[in-house]
Amino acid sequence: SIATMSVGMSNQKVAQDMGTSVLKMAMGSAESTADMLNSVMAEQ
């Protein structure tokens, strides 16, 4: 039961880290899109 709990906690941490990484990538993508839109608007 201790081993099972340890594996479960490890899997939960991996899932949480993956979710955090996906959110960071989404924020980076949104930021670059906003920067590109600002530059296009400034040029026009």
PDB file of all heavy atoms in Angstrom:
ATOM      1  N   SER A   1       0.821  -1.207   0.000  1.00  0.00           N
ATOM      2  CA  SER A   1       0.000   0.000   0.000  1.00  0.00           C
ATOM      3  C   SER A   1       0.860   1.265   0.000  1.00  0.00           C
ATOM      4  O   SER A   1       0.503   2.263  -0.609  1.00  0.00           O
ATOM      5  CB  SER A   1      -0.961  -0.011   1.190  1.00  0.00           C
ATOM      6  OG  SER A   1      -0.247   0.003   2.403  1.00  0.00           O
ATOM      7  N   ILE A   2       2.001   1.208   0.660  1.00  0.00           N
ATOM      8  CA  ILE A   2       2.921   2.352   0.648  1.00  0.00           C
ATOM      9  C   ILE A   2       3.476   2.558  -0.760  1.00  0.00           C
ATOM     10  O   ILE A   2       3.538   3.683  -1.267  1.00  0.00           O
ATOM     11  CB  ILE A   2       4.056   2.152   1.670  1.00  0.00           C
ATOM     12  CG1 ILE A   2       3.489   2.190   3.081  1.00  0.00           C
ATOM     13  CG2 ILE A   2       5.131   3.216   1.483  1.00  0.00           C
ATOM     14  CD1 ILE A   2       4.498   1.837   4.154  1.00  0.00           C
ATOM     15  N   ALA A   3       3.837   1.466  -1.427  1.00  0.00           N
ATOM     16  CA  ALA A   3       4.348   1.567  -2.796  1.00  0.00           C
ATOM     17  C   ALA A   3       3.269   2.097  -3.733  1.00  0.00           C
ATOM     18  O   ALA A   3       3.542   2.928  -4.609  1.00  0.00           O
ATOM     19  CB  ALA A   3       4.846   0.210  -3.265  1.00  0.00           C
ATOM     20  N   THR A   4       2.048   1.640  -3.556  1.00  0.00           N
ATOM     21  CA  THR A   4       0.943   2.103  -4.400  1.00  0.00           C
ATOM     22  C   THR A   4       0.697   3.589  -4.205  1.00  0.00           C
ATOM     23  O   THR A   4       0.489   4.330  -5.172  1.00  0.00           O
ATOM     24  CB  THR A   4      -0.333   1.296  -4.080  1.00  0.00           C
ATOM     25  OG1 THR A   4      -0.062  -0.094  -4.268  1.00  0.00           O
ATOM     26  CG2 THR A   4      -1.479   1.716  -4.968  1.00  0.00           C
ATOM     27  N   MET A   5       0.724   4.046  -2.960  1.00  0.00           N
ATOM     28  CA  MET A   5       0.545   5.475  -2.695  1.00  0.00           C
ATOM     29  C   MET A   5       1.676   6.291  -3.300  1.00  0.00           C
ATOM     30  O   MET A   5       1.452   7.371  -3.849  1.00  0.00           O
ATOM     31  CB  MET A   5       0.462   5.724  -1.185  1.00  0.00           C
ATOM     32  CG  MET A   5      -0.853   5.304  -0.599  1.00  0.00           C
ATOM     33  SD  MET A   5      -1.097   5.623   1.178  1.00  0.00           S
ATOM     34  CE  MET A   5       0.311   6.488   1.737  1.00  0.00           C
ATOM     35  N   SER A   6       2.888   5.760  -3.227  1.00  0.00           N
ATOM     36  CA  SER A   6       4.039   6.467  -3.776  1.00  0.00           C
ATOM     37  C   SER A   6       3.916   6.612  -5.297  1.00  0.00           C
ATOM     38  O   SER A   6       4.167   7.689  -5.854  1.00  0.00           O
ATOM     39  CB  SER A   6       5.321   5.724  -3.417  1.00  0.00           C
ATOM     40  OG  SER A   6       6.427   6.333  -4.027  1.00  0.00           O
ATOM     41  N   VAL A   7       3.514   5.547  -5.957  1.00  0.00           N
ATOM     42  CA  VAL A   7       3.351   5.597  -7.410  1.00  0.00           C
ATOM     43  C   VAL A   7       2.231   6.564  -7.780  1.00  0.00           C
ATOM     44  O   VAL A   7       2.351   7.348  -8.727  1.00  0.00           O
ATOM     45  CB  VAL A   7       3.074   4.178  -7.965  1.00  0.00           C
ATOM     46  CG1 VAL A   7       2.616   4.238  -9.413  1.00  0.00           C
ATOM     47  CG2 VAL A   7       4.309   3.315  -7.843  1.00  0.00           C
ATOM     48  N   GLY A   8       1.139   6.533  -7.037  1.00  0.00           N
ATOM     49  CA  GLY A   8       0.025   7.447  -7.302  1.00  0.00           C
ATOM     50  C   GLY A   8       0.431   8.897  -7.140  1.00  0.00           C
ATOM     51  O   GLY A   8       0.076   9.757  -7.961  1.00  0.00           O
ATOM     52  N   MET A   9       1.174   9.188  -6.082  1.00  0.00           N
ATOM     53  CA  MET A   9       1.629  10.566  -5.864  1.00  0.00           C
ATOM     54  C   MET A   9       2.588  11.000  -6.967  1.00  0.00           C
ATOM     55  O   MET A   9       2.550  12.148  -7.428  1.00  0.00           O
ATOM     56  CB  MET A   9       2.283  10.688  -4.492  1.00  0.00           C
ATOM     57  CG  MET A   9       1.299  10.599  -3.348  1.00  0.00           C
ATOM     58  SD  MET A   9       2.086  10.563  -1.718  1.00  0.00           S
ATOM     59  CE  MET A   9       2.989  12.092  -1.708  1.00  0.00           C
ATOM     60  N   SER A  10       3.446  10.083  -7.400  1.00  0.00           N
ATOM     61  CA  SER A  10       4.389  10.411  -8.470  1.00  0.00           C
ATOM     62  C   SER A  10       3.643  10.688  -9.771  1.00  0.00           C
ATOM     63  O   SER A  10       3.966  11.662 -10.487  1.00  0.00           O
ATOM     64  CB  SER A  10       5.363   9.255  -8.663  1.00  0.00           C
ATOM     65  OG  SER A  10       6.232   9.513  -9.738  1.00  0.00           O
ATOM     66  N   ASN A  11       2.656   9.867 -10.086  1.00  0.00           N
ATOM     67  CA  ASN A  11       1.866  10.086 -11.303  1.00  0.00           C
ATOM     68  C   ASN A  11       1.109  11.410 -11.240  1.00  0.00           C
ATOM     69  O   ASN A  11       0.990  12.114 -12.244  1.00  0.00           O
ATOM     70  CB  ASN A  11       0.890   8.933 -11.513  1.00  0.00           C
ATOM     71  CG  ASN A  11       1.583   7.664 -11.953  1.00  0.00           C
ATOM     72  OD1 ASN A  11       2.718   7.693 -12.401  1.00  0.00           O
ATOM     73  ND2 ASN A  11       0.896   6.538 -11.817  1.00  0.00           N
ATOM     74  N   GLN A  12       0.610  11.750 -10.073  1.00  0.00           N
ATOM     75  CA  GLN A  12      -0.111  13.014  -9.911  1.00  0.00           C
ATOM     76  C   GLN A  12       0.828  14.192 -10.130  1.00  0.00           C
ATOM     77  O   GLN A  12       0.469  15.179 -10.786  1.00  0.00           O
ATOM     78  CB  GLN A  12      -0.730  13.077  -8.524  1.00  0.00           C
ATOM     79  CG  GLN A  12      -1.576  14.302  -8.293  1.00  0.00           C
ATOM     80  CD  GLN A  12      -2.203  14.318  -6.903  1.00  0.00           C
ATOM     81  OE1 GLN A  12      -1.930  13.455  -6.079  1.00  0.00           O
ATOM     82  NE2 GLN A  12      -3.041  15.310  -6.650  1.00  0.00           N
ATOM     83  N   LYS A  13       2.050  14.107  -9.624  1.00  0.00           N
ATOM     84  CA  LYS A  13       3.021  15.188  -9.805  1.00  0.00           C
ATOM     85  C   LYS A  13       3.391  15.345 -11.282  1.00  0.00           C
ATOM     86  O   LYS A  13       3.493  16.461 -11.783  1.00  0.00           O
ATOM     87  CB  LYS A  13       4.269  14.940  -8.980  1.00  0.00           C
ATOM     88  CG  LYS A  13       5.300  16.057  -9.145  1.00  0.00           C
ATOM     89  CD  LYS A  13       6.385  15.968  -8.125  1.00  0.00           C
ATOM     90  CE  LYS A  13       7.457  17.020  -8.240  1.00  0.00           C
ATOM     91  NZ  LYS A  13       7.333  18.049  -9.216  1.00  0.00           N
ATOM     92  N   VAL A  14       3.573  14.217 -11.967  1.00  0.00           N
ATOM     93  CA  VAL A  14       3.893  14.275 -13.399  1.00  0.00           C
ATOM     94  C   VAL A  14       2.756  14.932 -14.174  1.00  0.00           C
ATOM     95  O   VAL A  14       2.991  15.784 -15.041  1.00  0.00           O
ATOM     96  CB  VAL A  14       4.191  12.856 -13.947  1.00  0.00           C
ATOM     97  CG1 VAL A  14       4.228  12.855 -15.460  1.00  0.00           C
ATOM     98  CG2 VAL A  14       5.505  12.338 -13.382  1.00  0.00           C
ATOM     99  N   ALA A  15       1.517  14.569 -13.857  1.00  0.00           N
ATOM    100  CA  ALA A  15       0.363  15.162 -14.541  1.00  0.00           C
ATOM    101  C   ALA A  15       0.282  16.659 -14.262  1.00  0.00           C
ATOM    102  O   ALA A  15      -0.026  17.457 -15.158  1.00  0.00           O
ATOM    103  CB  ALA A  15      -0.915  14.463 -14.104  1.00  0.00           C
ATOM    104  N   GLN A  16       0.548  17.058 -13.033  1.00  0.00           N
ATOM    105  CA  GLN A  16       0.508  18.479 -12.683  1.00  0.00           C
ATOM    106  C   GLN A  16       1.613  19.243 -13.407  1.00  0.00           C
ATOM    107  O   GLN A  16       1.376  20.341 -13.932  1.00  0.00           O
ATOM    108  CB  GLN A  16       0.658  18.643 -11.172  1.00  0.00           C
ATOM    109  CG  GLN A  16       0.552  20.075 -10.707  1.00  0.00           C
ATOM    110  CD  GLN A  16       0.665  20.199  -9.188  1.00  0.00           C
ATOM    111  OE1 GLN A  16       0.942  19.233  -8.492  1.00  0.00           O
ATOM    112  NE2 GLN A  16       0.461  21.394  -8.691  1.00  0.00           N
ATOM    113  N   ASP A  17       2.815  18.678 -13.458  1.00  0.00           N
ATOM    114  CA  ASP A  17       3.922  19.335 -14.158  1.00  0.00           C
ATOM    115  C   ASP A  17       3.626  19.464 -15.653  1.00  0.00           C
ATOM    116  O   ASP A  17       3.956  20.478 -16.271  1.00  0.00           O
ATOM    117  CB  ASP A  17       5.214  18.564 -13.944  1.00  0.00           C
ATOM    118  CG  ASP A  17       5.740  18.669 -12.519  1.00  0.00           C
ATOM    119  OD1 ASP A  17       5.258  19.546 -11.771  1.00  0.00           O
ATOM    120  OD2 ASP A  17       6.622  17.862 -12.154  1.00  0.00           O
ATOM    121  N   MET A  18       3.010  18.434 -16.228  1.00  0.00           N
ATOM    122  CA  MET A  18       2.665  18.491 -17.637  1.00  0.00           C
ATOM    123  C   MET A  18       1.622  19.583 -17.887  1.00  0.00           C
ATOM    124  O   MET A  18       1.728  20.350 -18.847  1.00  0.00           O
ATOM    125  CB  MET A  18       2.125  17.147 -18.115  1.00  0.00           C
ATOM    126  CG  MET A  18       1.871  17.112 -19.614  1.00  0.00           C
ATOM    127  SD  MET A  18       1.223  15.556 -20.192  1.00  0.00           S
ATOM    128  CE  MET A  18      -0.438  15.629 -19.546  1.00  0.00           C
ATOM    129  N   GLY A  19       0.627  19.681 -17.010  1.00  0.00           N
ATOM    130  CA  GLY A  19      -0.376  20.730 -17.152  1.00  0.00           C
ATOM    131  C   GLY A  19       0.234  22.115 -17.063  1.00  0.00           C
ATOM    132  O   GLY A  19      -0.123  23.023 -17.826  1.00  0.00           O
ATOM    133  N   THR A  20       1.172  22.288 -16.153  1.00  0.00           N
ATOM    134  CA  THR A  20       1.856  23.574 -16.009  1.00  0.00           C
ATOM    135  C   THR A  20       2.653  23.908 -17.264  1.00  0.00           C
ATOM    136  O   THR A  20       2.638  25.050 -17.732  1.00  0.00           O
ATOM    137  CB  THR A  20       2.789  23.547 -14.785  1.00  0.00           C
ATOM    138  OG1 THR A  20       2.028  23.214 -13.631  1.00  0.00           O
ATOM    139  CG2 THR A  20       3.464  24.872 -14.576  1.00  0.00           C
ATOM    140  N   SER A  21       3.315  22.909 -17.830  1.00  0.00           N
ATOM    141  CA  SER A  21       4.087  23.142 -19.057  1.00  0.00           C
ATOM    142  C   SER A  21       3.188  23.539 -20.213  1.00  0.00           C
ATOM    143  O   SER A  21       3.524  24.436 -20.996  1.00  0.00           O
ATOM    144  CB  SER A  21       4.866  21.879 -19.424  1.00  0.00           C
ATOM    145  OG  SER A  21       5.815  21.576 -18.442  1.00  0.00           O
ATOM    146  N   VAL A  22       2.041  22.886 -20.331  1.00  0.00           N
ATOM    147  CA  VAL A  22       1.108  23.217 -21.406  1.00  0.00           C
ATOM    148  C   VAL A  22       0.596  24.643 -21.242  1.00  0.00           C
ATOM    149  O   VAL A  22       0.498  25.396 -22.214  1.00  0.00           O
ATOM    150  CB  VAL A  22      -0.057  22.198 -21.443  1.00  0.00           C
ATOM    151  CG1 VAL A  22      -1.178  22.680 -22.350  1.00  0.00           C
ATOM    152  CG2 VAL A  22       0.449  20.838 -21.889  1.00  0.00           C
ATOM    153  N   LEU A  23       0.287  25.041 -20.010  1.00  0.00           N
ATOM    154  CA  LEU A  23      -0.176  26.407 -19.778  1.00  0.00           C
ATOM    155  C   LEU A  23       0.906  27.432 -20.103  1.00  0.00           C
ATOM    156  O   LEU A  23       0.616  28.489 -20.663  1.00  0.00           O
ATOM    157  CB  LEU A  23      -0.635  26.572 -18.331  1.00  0.00           C
ATOM    158  CG  LEU A  23      -1.967  25.903 -17.992  1.00  0.00           C
ATOM    159  CD1 LEU A  23      -2.248  26.017 -16.496  1.00  0.00           C
ATOM    160  CD2 LEU A  23      -3.088  26.526 -18.779  1.00  0.00           C
ATOM    161  N   LYS A  24       2.155  27.126 -19.767  1.00  0.00           N
ATOM    162  CA  LYS A  24       3.250  28.042 -20.097  1.00  0.00           C
ATOM    163  C   LYS A  24       3.396  28.191 -21.606  1.00  0.00           C
ATOM    164  O   LYS A  24       3.625  29.295 -22.118  1.00  0.00           O
ATOM    165  CB  LYS A  24       4.558  27.549 -19.492  1.00  0.00           C
ATOM    166  CG  LYS A  24       4.665  27.790 -18.007  1.00  0.00           C
ATOM    167  CD  LYS A  24       6.009  27.325 -17.476  1.00  0.00           C
ATOM    168  CE  LYS A  24       6.096  27.524 -15.979  1.00  0.00           C
ATOM    169  NZ  LYS A  24       7.388  27.042 -15.443  1.00  0.00           N
ATOM    170  N   MET A  25       3.264  27.071 -22.336  1.00  0.00           N
ATOM    171  CA  MET A  25       3.348  27.143 -23.796  1.00  0.00           C
ATOM    172  C   MET A  25       2.199  27.960 -24.355  1.00  0.00           C
ATOM    173  O   MET A  25       2.389  28.758 -25.282  1.00  0.00           O
ATOM    174  CB  MET A  25       3.341  25.739 -24.398  1.00  0.00           C
ATOM    175  CG  MET A  25       4.622  24.978 -24.186  1.00  0.00           C
ATOM    176  SD  MET A  25       4.726  23.301 -24.856  1.00  0.00           S
ATOM    177  CE  MET A  25       3.236  23.012 -25.702  1.00  0.00           C
ATOM    178  N   ALA A  26       1.006  27.799 -23.809  1.00  0.00           N
ATOM    179  CA  ALA A  26      -0.155  28.563 -24.283  1.00  0.00           C
ATOM    180  C   ALA A  26       0.035  30.047 -24.006  1.00  0.00           C
ATOM    181  O   ALA A  26      -0.300  30.891 -24.848  1.00  0.00           O
ATOM    182  CB  ALA A  26      -1.423  28.050 -23.613  1.00  0.00           C
ATOM    183  N   MET A  27       0.574  30.384 -22.847  1.00  0.00           N
ATOM    184  CA  MET A  27       0.821  31.789 -22.532  1.00  0.00           C
ATOM    185  C   MET A  27       1.861  32.379 -23.469  1.00  0.00           C
ATOM    186  O   MET A  27       1.719  33.519 -23.925  1.00  0.00           O
ATOM    187  CB  MET A  27       1.274  31.931 -21.079  1.00  0.00           C
ATOM    188  CG  MET A  27       0.159  31.772 -20.077  1.00  0.00           C
ATOM    189  SD  MET A  27       0.699  31.824 -18.354  1.00  0.00           S
ATOM    190  CE  MET A  27       1.725  33.259 -18.302  1.00  0.00           C
ATOM    191  N   GLY A  28       2.899  31.620 -23.773  1.00  0.00           N
ATOM    192  CA  GLY A  28       3.927  32.093 -24.694  1.00  0.00           C
ATOM    193  C   GLY A  28       3.366  32.312 -26.084  1.00  0.00           C
ATOM    194  O   GLY A  28       3.681  33.298 -26.761  1.00  0.00           O
ATOM    195  N   SER A  29       2.500  31.411 -26.517  1.00  0.00           N
ATOM    196  CA  SER A  29       1.887  31.539 -27.831  1.00  0.00           C
ATOM    197  C   SER A  29       0.970  32.756 -27.885  1.00  0.00           C
ATOM    198  O   SER A  29       0.984  33.518 -28.857  1.00  0.00           O
ATOM    199  CB  SER A  29       1.093  30.272 -28.156  1.00  0.00           C
ATOM    200  OG  SER A  29       0.393  30.420 -29.362  1.00  0.00           O
ATOM    201  N   ALA A  30       0.181  32.952 -26.841  1.00  0.00           N
ATOM    202  CA  ALA A  30      -0.717  34.110 -26.799  1.00  0.00           C
ATOM    203  C   ALA A  30       0.080  35.409 -26.770  1.00  0.00           C
ATOM    204  O   ALA A  30      -0.293  36.398 -27.413  1.00  0.00           O
ATOM    205  CB  ALA A  30      -1.628  34.020 -25.584  1.00  0.00           C
ATOM    206  N   GLU A  31       1.176  35.405 -26.050  1.00  0.00           N
ATOM    207  CA  GLU A  31       2.004  36.614 -25.965  1.00  0.00           C
ATOM    208  C   GLU A  31       2.620  36.940 -27.313  1.00  0.00           C
ATOM    209  O   GLU A  31       2.627  38.096 -27.743  1.00  0.00           O
ATOM    210  CB  GLU A  31       3.093  36.408 -24.916  1.00  0.00           C
ATOM    211  CG  GLU A  31       3.925  37.636 -24.653  1.00  0.00           C
ATOM    212  CD  GLU A  31       4.911  37.427 -23.515  1.00  0.00           C
ATOM    213  OE1 GLU A  31       4.487  36.990 -22.437  1.00  0.00           O
ATOM    214  OE2 GLU A  31       6.103  37.695 -23.741  1.00  0.00           O
ATOM    215  N   SER A  32       3.115  35.919 -28.017  1.00  0.00           N
ATOM    216  CA  SER A  32       3.717  36.186 -29.324  1.00  0.00           C
ATOM    217  C   SER A  32       2.664  36.627 -30.336  1.00  0.00           C
ATOM    218  O   SER A  32       2.932  37.480 -31.183  1.00  0.00           O
ATOM    219  CB  SER A  32       4.468  34.955 -29.837  1.00  0.00           C
ATOM    220  OG  SER A  32       3.579  33.894 -30.082  1.00  0.00           O
ATOM    221  N   THR A  33       1.455  36.070 -30.236  1.00  0.00           N
ATOM    222  CA  THR A  33       0.375  36.499 -31.124  1.00  0.00           C
ATOM    223  C   THR A  33       0.006  37.953 -30.860  1.00  0.00           C
ATOM    224  O   THR A  33      -0.204  38.726 -31.802  1.00  0.00           O
ATOM    225  CB  THR A  33      -0.858  35.597 -30.934  1.00  0.00           C
ATOM    226  OG1 THR A  33      -0.488  34.247 -31.204  1.00  0.00           O
ATOM    227  CG2 THR A  33      -1.982  36.014 -31.850  1.00  0.00           C
ATOM    228  N   ALA A  34      -0.065  38.334 -29.598  1.00  0.00           N
ATOM    229  CA  ALA A  34      -0.387  39.720 -29.250  1.00  0.00           C
ATOM    230  C   ALA A  34       0.708  40.666 -29.731  1.00  0.00           C
ATOM    231  O   ALA A  34       0.404  41.755 -30.246  1.00  0.00           O
ATOM    232  CB  ALA A  34      -0.575  39.847 -27.746  1.00  0.00           C
ATOM    233  N   ASP A  35       1.961  40.272 -29.581  1.00  0.00           N
ATOM    234  CA  ASP A  35       3.067  41.105 -30.063  1.00  0.00           C
ATOM    235  C   ASP A  35       2.996  41.289 -31.574  1.00  0.00           C
ATOM    236  O   ASP A  35       3.209  42.393 -32.087  1.00  0.00           O
ATOM    237  CB  ASP A  35       4.413  40.495 -29.674  1.00  0.00           C
ATOM    238  CG  ASP A  35       4.685  40.570 -28.190  1.00  0.00           C
ATOM    239  OD1 ASP A  35       4.024  41.376 -27.494  1.00  0.00           O
ATOM    240  OD2 ASP A  35       5.557  39.816 -27.703  1.00  0.00           O
ATOM    241  N   MET A  36       2.694  40.194 -32.276  1.00  0.00           N
ATOM    242  CA  MET A  36       2.606  40.276 -33.727  1.00  0.00           C
ATOM    243  C   MET A  36       1.446  41.184 -34.144  1.00  0.00           C
ATOM    244  O   MET A  36       1.584  42.009 -35.050  1.00  0.00           O
ATOM    245  CB  MET A  36       2.411  38.882 -34.328  1.00  0.00           C
ATOM    246  CG  MET A  36       2.408  38.872 -35.839  1.00  0.00           C
ATOM    247  SD  MET A  36       2.335  37.230 -36.578  1.00  0.00           S
ATOM    248  CE  MET A  36       0.801  36.611 -35.942  1.00  0.00           C
ATOM    249  N   LEU A  37       0.310  41.068 -33.470  1.00  0.00           N
ATOM    250  CA  LEU A  37      -0.843  41.910 -33.778  1.00  0.00           C
ATOM    251  C   LEU A  37      -0.523  43.380 -33.523  1.00  0.00           C
ATOM    252  O   LEU A  37      -0.876  44.251 -34.331  1.00  0.00           O
ATOM    253  CB  LEU A  37      -2.049  41.477 -32.948  1.00  0.00           C
ATOM    254  CG  LEU A  37      -3.342  42.248 -33.169  1.00  0.00           C
ATOM    255  CD1 LEU A  37      -3.818  42.100 -34.602  1.00  0.00           C
ATOM    256  CD2 LEU A  37      -4.408  41.758 -32.204  1.00  0.00           C
ATOM    257  N   ASN A  38       0.154  43.663 -32.418  1.00  0.00           N
ATOM    258  CA  ASN A  38       0.546  45.049 -32.123  1.00  0.00           C
ATOM    259  C   ASN A  38       1.468  45.611 -33.188  1.00  0.00           C
ATOM    260  O   ASN A  38       1.329  46.774 -33.595  1.00  0.00           O
ATOM    261  CB  ASN A  38       1.215  45.133 -30.756  1.00  0.00           C
ATOM    262  CG  ASN A  38       0.213  45.079 -29.631  1.00  0.00           C
ATOM    263  OD1 ASN A  38      -0.952  45.387 -29.824  1.00  0.00           O
ATOM    264  ND2 ASN A  38       0.674  44.688 -28.461  1.00  0.00           N
ATOM    265  N   SER A  39       2.419  44.814 -33.658  1.00  0.00           N
ATOM    266  CA  SER A  39       3.343  45.315 -34.673  1.00  0.00           C
ATOM    267  C   SER A  39       2.624  45.559 -35.994  1.00  0.00           C
ATOM    268  O   SER A  39       2.892  46.552 -36.679  1.00  0.00           O
ATOM    269  CB  SER A  39       4.509  44.348 -34.868  1.00  0.00           C
ATOM    270  OG  SER A  39       4.075  43.133 -35.428  1.00  0.00           O
ATOM    271  N   VAL A  40       1.687  44.677 -36.359  1.00  0.00           N
ATOM    272  CA  VAL A  40       0.931  44.872 -37.602  1.00  0.00           C
ATOM    273  C   VAL A  40       0.064  46.124 -37.500  1.00  0.00           C
ATOM    274  O   VAL A  40      -0.011  46.921 -38.440  1.00  0.00           O
ATOM    275  CB  VAL A  40       0.074  43.624 -37.912  1.00  0.00           C
ATOM    276  CG1 VAL A  40      -0.933  43.912 -39.021  1.00  0.00           C
ATOM    277  CG2 VAL A  40       0.968  42.461 -38.303  1.00  0.00           C
ATOM    278  N   MET A  41      -0.580  46.300 -36.362  1.00  0.00           N
ATOM    279  CA  MET A  41      -1.421  47.488 -36.182  1.00  0.00           C
ATOM    280  C   MET A  41      -0.579  48.764 -36.227  1.00  0.00           C
ATOM    281  O   MET A  41      -1.001  49.770 -36.788  1.00  0.00           O
ATOM    282  CB  MET A  41      -2.187  47.404 -34.859  1.00  0.00           C
ATOM    283  CG  MET A  41      -3.194  46.269 -34.803  1.00  0.00           C
ATOM    284  SD  MET A  41      -4.523  46.446 -35.980  1.00  0.00           S
ATOM    285  CE  MET A  41      -5.441  47.748 -35.218  1.00  0.00           C
ATOM    286  N   ALA A  42       0.602  48.733 -35.632  1.00  0.00           N
ATOM    287  CA  ALA A  42       1.471  49.912 -35.647  1.00  0.00           C
ATOM    288  C   ALA A  42       1.934  50.226 -37.061  1.00  0.00           C
ATOM    289  O   ALA A  42       1.993  51.397 -37.457  1.00  0.00           O
ATOM    290  CB  ALA A  42       2.669  49.682 -34.737  1.00  0.00           C
ATOM    291  N   GLU A  43       2.251  49.188 -37.838  1.00  0.00           N
ATOM    292  CA  GLU A  43       2.670  49.409 -39.219  1.00  0.00           C
ATOM    293  C   GLU A  43       1.542  50.027 -40.037  1.00  0.00           C
ATOM    294  O   GLU A  43       1.769  50.941 -40.827  1.00  0.00           O
ATOM    295  CB  GLU A  43       3.098  48.087 -39.858  1.00  0.00           C
ATOM    296  CG  GLU A  43       4.401  47.534 -39.343  1.00  0.00           C
ATOM    297  CD  GLU A  43       4.677  46.140 -39.876  1.00  0.00           C
ATOM    298  OE1 GLU A  43       3.930  45.659 -40.751  1.00  0.00           O
ATOM    299  OE2 GLU A  43       5.642  45.535 -39.398  1.00  0.00           O
ATOM    300  N   GLN A  44       0.331  49.541 -39.864  1.00  0.00           N
ATOM    301  CA  GLN A  44      -0.787  50.070 -40.637  1.00  0.00           C
ATOM    302  C   GLN A  44      -1.120  51.488 -40.208  1.00  0.00           C
ATOM    303  O   GLN A  44      -1.485  52.312 -41.037  1.00  0.00           O
ATOM    304  CB  GLN A  44      -2.003  49.166 -40.498  1.00  0.00           C
ATOM    305  CG  GLN A  44      -1.809  47.847 -41.209  1.00  0.00           C
ATOM    306  CD  GLN A  44      -3.105  47.186 -41.571  1.00  0.00           C
ATOM    307  OE1 GLN A  44      -4.175  47.679 -41.252  1.00  0.00           O
ATOM    308  NE2 GLN A  44      -3.011  46.066 -42.242  1.00  0.00           N
TER     309      GLN A  44
END
